[in-house]
Amino acid sequence: MADEGLKWLVFTGTLGFEHWVLEVARDMKNDFGFQLATIFDFETHGENWNEGNRVKLSEFKQVDFVKYAYPNYEHKGQLRDYQLFLLENTDGAYLFMMKKMKQN
């Protein structure tokens, strides 16, 4: 998709695999001309994380566009609405999965 006119990659500020994708996307950004965004669920996202994870969180905030869906968590309906917003406002998605490994 990157070489087919991709305009935005949108992240949610999740550690692990999504953070790795952010690192790769930052390396590819200039070559392909897309922009990076993070739409967090809450402004308080990650406030209880340890220092190492907060450093990674700060990388999600150093993108072209940052927005927060809500100031803070008040009820579970916010999470549903946040996910629904992302789904309804996305033209496509990259899906990644691992092949099932044989168990010994």
Protein backbone atom coordinates (compact mmCIF):
# COMPACT_ATOMS: atom_id res chain seq x y z
CA MET A 1 0.00 0.00 0.00
CA ALA A 2 2.86 2.39 0.66
CA ASP A 3 3.79 2.46 -3.02
CA GLU A 4 0.12 2.75 -4.09
CA GLY A 5 -0.63 6.20 -2.69
CA LEU A 6 -0.92 5.55 1.05
CA LYS A 7 -1.53 8.92 2.72
CA TRP A 8 -1.69 8.17 6.45
CA LEU A 9 -0.69 5.46 8.88
CA VAL A 10 -2.71 5.82 12.07
CA PHE A 11 -1.51 4.39 15.37
CA THR A 12 -3.20 4.01 18.75
CA GLY A 13 -0.15 4.19 21.03
CA THR A 14 0.10 0.49 21.82
CA LEU A 15 3.43 -0.97 22.91
CA GLY A 16 4.94 -4.09 21.39
CA PHE A 17 4.21 -4.80 17.76
CA GLU A 18 2.57 -1.43 17.03
CA HIS A 19 5.59 0.40 18.40
CA TRP A 20 7.84 -1.66 16.14
CA VAL A 21 5.66 -0.76 13.14
CA LEU A 22 5.97 2.92 14.09
CA GLU A 23 9.77 2.60 14.03
CA VAL A 24 9.68 0.96 10.59
CA ALA A 25 7.15 3.50 9.27
CA ARG A 26 9.32 6.41 10.39
CA ASP A 27 12.18 4.94 8.34
CA MET A 28 9.91 4.54 5.27
CA LYS A 29 8.05 7.84 5.57
CA ASN A 30 10.35 10.03 3.48
CA ASP A 31 10.70 7.47 0.70
CA PHE A 32 6.94 7.00 0.27
CA GLY A 33 5.56 10.39 1.33
CA PHE A 34 2.87 9.23 3.77
CA GLN A 35 2.17 10.87 7.11
CA LEU A 36 1.94 9.40 10.60
CA ALA A 37 -0.81 9.98 13.15
CA THR A 38 -1.61 8.72 16.62
CA ILE A 39 -5.15 8.83 17.92
CA PHE A 40 -5.07 7.92 21.58
CA ASP A 41 -8.11 6.71 23.46
CA PHE A 42 -7.48 8.99 26.47
CA GLU A 43 -5.21 11.90 27.36
CA THR A 44 -4.17 9.80 30.36
CA HIS A 45 -3.00 6.94 28.09
CA GLY A 46 0.21 5.50 29.56
CA GLU A 47 0.40 7.75 32.61
CA ASN A 48 1.06 4.76 34.89
CA TRP A 49 3.71 3.19 32.66
CA ASN A 50 7.33 2.76 33.70
CA GLU A 51 10.01 5.12 32.38
CA GLY A 52 11.11 2.85 29.52
CA ASN A 53 7.57 2.51 28.23
CA ARG A 54 6.97 6.24 28.60
CA VAL A 55 9.91 6.84 26.27
CA LYS A 56 8.22 4.62 23.69
CA LEU A 57 4.94 6.42 24.31
CA SER A 58 6.62 9.75 23.60
CA GLU A 59 7.60 8.44 20.15
CA PHE A 60 3.89 8.03 19.32
CA LYS A 61 3.49 11.73 20.16
CA GLN A 62 6.28 12.78 17.77
CA VAL A 63 4.27 12.23 14.59
CA ASP A 64 2.50 14.53 12.13
CA PHE A 65 -0.88 14.46 13.91
CA VAL A 66 -1.83 13.60 17.51
CA LYS A 67 -5.35 13.57 18.91
CA TYR A 68 -7.07 12.22 22.02
CA ALA A 69 -10.58 10.81 21.86
CA TYR A 70 -11.37 11.61 25.51
CA PRO A 71 -9.70 13.43 28.40
CA ASN A 72 -9.91 10.36 30.68
CA TYR A 73 -11.72 7.09 31.19
CA GLU A 74 -15.25 7.41 32.52
CA HIS A 75 -17.12 4.37 31.19
CA LYS A 76 -16.67 1.37 28.86
CA GLY A 77 -18.83 2.94 26.16
CA GLN A 78 -15.94 5.32 25.43
CA LEU A 79 -13.74 2.41 24.35
CA ARG A 80 -16.47 1.05 22.09
CA ASP A 81 -17.03 4.47 20.52
CA TYR A 82 -13.30 5.00 20.09
CA GLN A 83 -12.90 1.70 18.24
CA LEU A 84 -15.99 2.42 16.16
CA PHE A 85 -14.61 5.83 15.19
CA LEU A 86 -11.36 4.25 14.03
CA LEU A 87 -13.18 1.62 11.99
CA GLU A 88 -15.60 4.05 10.38
CA ASN A 89 -12.87 6.53 9.44
CA THR A 90 -10.32 4.13 7.98
CA ASP A 91 -10.14 3.20 4.31
CA GLY A 92 -7.97 0.14 4.87
CA ALA A 93 -5.86 -1.70 7.37
CA TYR A 94 -2.74 -3.77 7.53
CA LEU A 95 -3.32 -7.08 9.28
CA PHE A 96 -0.43 -9.13 10.58
CA MET A 97 -0.49 -12.64 11.93
CA MET A 98 2.01 -15.34 12.73
CA LYS A 99 1.81 -18.75 11.22
CA LYS A 100 0.92 -21.34 13.77
CA MET A 101 4.08 -22.96 15.06
CA LYS A 102 4.30 -26.71 15.41
CA GLN A 103 4.22 -27.86 18.99
CA ASN A 104 6.65 -30.58 20.09
